[in-house]
């Protein structure tokens, strides 16, 4: 049953099925005759390794669930499962759940971490991989010599580099520092000095250094209030003050009543 039971094809691994549970919903008329065959084929010996027959004759449809436990049977004998209806009726929501046990022999369990057992096939390779991850190791360890050899191999190889000295040629340097596109008429060093001088001159005058000579009288107020002008009261502000005073009085009265 590919995809239903775990893969047991590895050496020294065995899988046995020791039980199953199935469930389905039967839909039919009570007077109709119907049977449901729940089976698993046996690809080794032929026929069926499991077979159960549910007789629904004379009863209305309903759901059914059954449990089975039996002596463990090797997974190789469990073929495809099926649920077939004989008569008038249909099934829905079918489900089959298998109980199994997997056995793994002792050598395979020991070799899960193969560097712990010299009998495992990948012992040397896995041991060196493990030792290469350790920064320190107890000198009393039986693998200390192997770890030390790995540390020695990690040391960087020092390569001597011969220093190369290039003698300066004043005439060659002078010719190279001249702009050849201008046929030797412009010296690059002089041009660079001129550009540096221009770059150091500030082109913008900060606004806080600007002095305004205009007098204040040149900016008269837009609205001038005369001494004899009558300004109306702010009724909104007066209402707000009255509301605040009333609220304060109400709050204050609570403390006065408690005394």
Protein backbone atom coordinates (compact mmCIF):
# COMPACT_ATOMS: atom_id res chain seq x y z
CA UNK A 1 0.00 0.00 0.00
CA UNK A 2 2.27 2.75 -1.26
CA UNK A 3 1.68 6.03 0.57
CA UNK A 4 -0.41 4.41 3.34
CA UNK A 5 2.23 2.52 5.33
CA UNK A 6 5.81 3.75 5.95
CA UNK A 7 8.58 2.59 3.64
CA UNK A 8 10.15 -0.59 5.06
CA UNK A 9 12.37 -1.45 2.10
CA UNK A 10 15.62 -0.54 3.92
CA UNK A 11 17.82 -3.43 5.14
CA UNK A 12 17.23 -4.63 8.70
CA UNK A 13 13.86 -2.84 8.87
CA UNK A 14 10.56 -4.71 9.21
CA UNK A 15 6.95 -3.50 9.42
CA UNK A 16 3.95 -5.46 10.69
CA UNK A 17 0.27 -4.48 10.65
CA UNK A 18 -1.50 -5.52 13.86
CA UNK A 19 -4.91 -3.86 13.51
CA UNK A 20 -7.19 -1.58 11.52
CA UNK A 21 -10.27 0.63 11.87
CA UNK A 22 -12.71 1.42 9.07
CA UNK A 23 -15.63 3.81 8.77
CA UNK A 24 -18.18 4.79 6.12
CA UNK A 25 -21.73 6.12 5.69
CA UNK A 26 -24.33 3.89 3.99
CA UNK A 27 -27.23 5.48 2.06
CA UNK A 28 -30.15 3.17 1.10
CA UNK A 29 -33.87 2.46 1.46
CA UNK A 30 -34.80 0.14 4.36
CA UNK A 31 -36.53 -2.39 2.07
CA UNK A 32 -33.56 -2.72 -0.32
CA UNK A 33 -30.99 -5.51 -0.03
CA UNK A 34 -27.35 -4.45 0.08
CA UNK A 35 -24.00 -5.67 1.35
CA UNK A 36 -20.66 -3.87 1.77
CA UNK A 37 -17.37 -5.77 1.34
CA UNK A 38 -14.34 -4.24 3.09
CA UNK A 39 -11.14 -5.94 1.87
CA UNK A 40 -7.37 -5.83 1.54
CA UNK A 41 -5.72 -7.88 -1.20
CA UNK A 42 -2.85 -10.28 -0.42
CA UNK A 43 -0.18 -9.80 -3.14
CA UNK A 44 1.98 -12.61 -1.72
CA UNK A 45 -0.48 -15.51 -1.37
CA UNK A 46 -3.37 -14.23 -3.47
CA UNK A 47 -6.92 -13.61 -2.29
CA UNK A 48 -7.49 -11.24 0.62
CA UNK A 49 -5.44 -10.74 3.77
CA UNK A 50 -8.47 -9.02 5.36
CA UNK A 51 -12.19 -9.23 4.50
CA UNK A 52 -15.30 -8.06 6.37
CA UNK A 53 -18.92 -8.13 5.07
CA UNK A 54 -21.60 -5.73 6.39
CA UNK A 55 -25.16 -6.86 5.56
CA UNK A 56 -27.55 -3.90 5.28
CA UNK A 57 -30.55 -5.88 4.01
CA UNK A 58 -33.82 -4.74 5.59
CA UNK A 59 -32.29 -1.89 7.60
CA UNK A 60 -32.06 1.83 6.81
CA UNK A 61 -28.78 3.49 5.91
CA UNK A 62 -26.51 4.77 8.65
CA UNK A 63 -22.85 5.29 9.53
CA UNK A 64 -20.71 2.39 10.74
CA UNK A 65 -17.31 2.07 12.38
CA UNK A 66 -15.48 -1.18 13.30
CA UNK A 67 -12.21 -2.01 15.07
CA UNK A 68 -10.02 -5.09 14.51
CA UNK A 69 -6.88 -6.35 16.29
CA UNK A 70 -4.92 -9.42 15.21
CA UNK A 71 -1.52 -11.08 15.26
CA UNK A 72 1.04 -8.87 13.45
CA UNK A 73 1.14 -9.54 9.71
CA UNK A 74 4.12 -8.43 7.56
CA UNK A 75 3.41 -5.32 5.53
CA UNK A 76 4.38 -7.12 2.32
CA UNK A 77 1.11 -9.09 2.52
CA UNK A 78 -1.05 -5.97 2.72
CA UNK A 79 -2.18 -4.94 -0.75
CA UNK A 80 -4.64 -2.29 -1.85
CA UNK A 81 -7.76 -1.83 0.24
CA UNK A 82 -11.31 -1.46 -1.10
CA UNK A 83 -14.97 -0.96 -0.06
CA UNK A 84 -17.51 -2.38 -2.54
CA UNK A 85 -21.32 -2.31 -2.42
CA UNK A 86 -23.38 -5.30 -3.60
CA UNK A 87 -27.06 -4.40 -4.11
CA UNK A 88 -28.93 -1.09 -3.92
CA UNK A 89 -27.04 1.50 -1.92
CA UNK A 90 -24.11 3.87 -1.92
CA UNK A 91 -21.35 4.65 0.57
CA UNK A 92 -19.68 7.98 1.34
CA UNK A 93 -16.87 9.30 3.59
CA UNK A 94 -14.92 6.00 3.57
CA UNK A 95 -11.90 5.74 5.86
CA UNK A 96 -9.43 2.96 6.78
CA UNK A 97 -6.79 3.43 9.49
CA UNK A 98 -4.02 0.84 9.95
CA UNK A 99 -2.12 0.13 13.18
CA UNK A 100 1.45 -1.04 12.61
CA UNK A 101 4.76 -1.68 14.35
CA UNK A 102 8.18 -1.00 12.83
CA UNK A 103 11.24 -2.91 14.00
CA UNK A 104 14.81 -1.75 13.36
CA UNK A 105 17.69 -4.09 14.16
CA UNK A 106 20.40 -3.04 16.65
CA UNK A 107 23.23 -2.28 14.15
CA UNK A 108 21.07 0.30 12.36
CA UNK A 109 20.18 1.98 15.64
CA UNK A 110 23.82 2.13 16.73
CA UNK A 111 24.92 3.61 13.38
CA UNK A 112 22.51 6.51 13.59
CA UNK A 113 25.63 8.44 14.76
CA UNK A 114 28.23 6.37 12.99
CA UNK A 115 31.27 8.16 14.45
CA UNK A 116 30.38 6.65 17.85
CA UNK A 117 30.90 3.09 16.67
CA UNK A 118 34.00 1.90 14.73
CA UNK A 119 31.90 -0.94 13.29
CA UNK A 120 29.76 1.47 11.25
CA UNK A 121 30.66 1.78 7.54
CA UNK A 122 31.08 5.60 7.58
CA UNK A 123 32.94 5.73 10.88
CA UNK A 124 36.17 7.39 9.66
CA UNK A 125 34.48 9.99 7.46
CA UNK A 126 31.92 11.02 10.07
CA UNK A 127 34.54 11.05 12.83
CA UNK A 128 36.73 13.52 10.94
CA UNK A 129 33.73 15.71 10.18
CA UNK A 130 32.87 15.77 13.87
CA UNK A 131 36.44 16.48 15.04
CA UNK A 132 36.81 19.34 12.55
CA UNK A 133 33.97 21.19 14.33
CA UNK A 134 35.73 21.12 17.74
CA UNK A 135 37.89 24.07 18.82
CA UNK A 136 39.37 22.17 21.76
CA UNK A 137 39.67 18.53 22.80
CA UNK A 138 40.80 16.83 25.99
CA UNK A 139 44.36 15.48 25.48
CA UNK A 140 43.25 12.27 27.20
CA UNK A 141 40.74 11.60 24.43
CA UNK A 142 41.47 8.59 22.28
CA UNK A 143 40.95 10.75 19.19
CA UNK A 144 43.25 13.59 20.31
CA UNK A 145 45.96 12.71 17.77
CA UNK A 146 43.42 12.78 14.92
CA UNK A 147 42.04 16.13 16.12
CA UNK A 148 45.57 17.56 16.37
CA UNK A 149 46.31 16.52 12.80
CA UNK A 150 43.15 18.27 11.63
CA UNK A 151 44.17 21.48 13.44
CA UNK A 152 47.59 21.38 11.82
CA UNK A 153 46.04 21.08 8.39
CA UNK A 154 43.93 24.18 9.07
CA UNK A 155 46.96 26.41 9.64
CA UNK A 156 47.39 29.05 7.01
CA UNK A 157 50.26 28.66 4.56
CA UNK A 158 52.58 31.70 4.56
CA UNK A 159 53.64 32.75 1.08
CA UNK A 160 56.58 35.16 0.71
CA UNK A 161 55.84 37.96 -1.70
CA UNK A 162 58.77 39.61 -3.42
CA UNK A 163 58.66 43.37 -3.12
CA UNK A 164 58.78 45.11 -6.46
CA UNK A 165 60.37 48.59 -6.50
CA UNK A 166 59.60 50.92 -9.38
CA UNK A 167 62.21 53.62 -9.98
CA UNK A 168 60.83 57.06 -10.56
CA UNK A 169 61.53 58.78 -13.85
CA UNK A 170 61.07 62.55 -13.51
CA UNK A 171 60.85 63.21 -17.24
CA UNK A 172 58.38 60.35 -17.77
CA UNK A 173 56.27 61.52 -14.83
CA UNK A 174 56.22 65.08 -16.16
CA UNK A 175 55.09 63.90 -19.57
CA UNK A 176 52.40 61.69 -18.08
CA UNK A 177 51.05 64.50 -15.93
CA UNK A 178 50.52 66.71 -18.96
CA UNK A 179 47.16 66.66 -20.71
CA UNK A 180 47.99 65.07 -24.07
CA UNK A 181 44.68 66.21 -25.58
CA UNK A 182 45.91 69.83 -25.39
CA UNK A 183 49.25 68.95 -26.99
CA UNK A 184 51.25 69.67 -23.81
CA UNK A 185 50.01 73.26 -23.40
CA UNK A 186 48.10 72.67 -20.13
CA UNK A 187 49.72 71.36 -16.98
CA UNK A 188 47.35 69.15 -15.02
CA UNK A 189 48.76 70.16 -11.60
CA UNK A 190 48.26 73.86 -12.30
CA UNK A 191 44.72 73.34 -13.50
CA UNK A 192 43.90 71.29 -10.39
CA UNK A 193 45.25 74.10 -8.15
CA UNK A 194 43.06 76.66 -9.89
CA UNK A 195 39.97 74.48 -9.48
CA UNK A 196 40.73 74.02 -5.78
CA UNK A 197 40.94 77.80 -5.29
CA UNK A 198 37.60 78.34 -7.01
CA UNK A 199 35.98 75.57 -4.98
CA UNK A 200 37.05 77.17 -1.67
CA UNK A 201 35.40 80.54 -2.41
CA UNK A 202 31.85 80.61 -0.93
CA UNK A 203 29.36 81.44 -3.65
CA UNK A 204 26.37 81.97 -1.33
CA UNK A 205 26.09 84.71 1.33
CA UNK A 206 24.32 83.42 4.45
CA UNK A 207 21.02 85.16 5.11
CA UNK A 208 21.97 85.93 8.72
CA UNK A 209 24.79 88.20 7.50
CA UNK A 210 22.36 90.38 5.50
CA UNK A 211 21.63 93.85 6.96
CA UNK A 212 18.31 95.52 6.17
CA UNK A 213 18.55 99.31 5.95
CA UNK A 214 14.83 99.94 5.83
CA UNK A 215 13.31 101.67 8.86
CA UNK A 216 10.44 100.25 10.85
CA UNK A 217 8.20 103.15 9.76
CA UNK A 218 8.17 101.77 6.25
CA UNK A 219 6.02 98.85 7.48
CA UNK A 220 2.94 100.44 9.15
CA UNK A 221 0.29 98.33 10.88
CA UNK A 222 -2.64 97.37 8.77
CA UNK A 223 -5.19 98.10 11.51
CA UNK A 224 -4.79 100.99 13.95
CA UNK A 225 -7.01 101.03 17.05
CA UNK A 226 -7.94 104.54 18.23
CA UNK A 227 -8.23 105.35 21.94
CA UNK A 228 -11.95 106.20 21.70
CA UNK A 229 -12.85 102.97 19.87
CA UNK A 230 -15.32 100.76 21.76
CA UNK A 231 -14.57 97.04 21.41
CA UNK A 232 -17.52 94.66 21.96
CA UNK A 233 -17.28 91.99 24.64
CA UNK A 234 -16.46 88.45 23.62
CA UNK A 235 -19.72 86.74 24.54
CA UNK A 236 -18.35 83.28 23.80
CA UNK A 237 -15.46 83.78 26.22
CA UNK A 238 -17.85 85.11 28.89
CA UNK A 239 -20.09 82.04 28.56
CA UNK A 240 -17.09 79.79 28.87
CA UNK A 241 -15.94 81.58 32.03
CA UNK A 242 -19.43 81.28 33.52
CA UNK A 243 -19.51 77.57 32.76
CA UNK A 244 -16.10 77.06 34.34
CA UNK A 245 -17.17 78.97 37.45
CA UNK A 246 -20.34 76.90 37.80
CA UNK A 247 -18.39 73.65 37.37
CA UNK A 248 -15.88 74.71 40.00
CA UNK A 249 -18.72 75.59 42.40
CA UNK A 250 -20.34 72.14 41.89
CA UNK A 251 -17.07 70.34 42.54
CA UNK A 252 -16.31 72.47 45.55
CA UNK A 253 -19.78 71.83 47.03
CA UNK A 254 -19.04 68.09 47.22
CA UNK A 255 -16.12 68.69 49.57
CA UNK A 256 -18.09 71.25 51.60
CA UNK A 257 -20.89 68.71 52.20
CA UNK A 258 -18.43 66.10 53.45
CA UNK A 259 -17.14 68.38 56.20
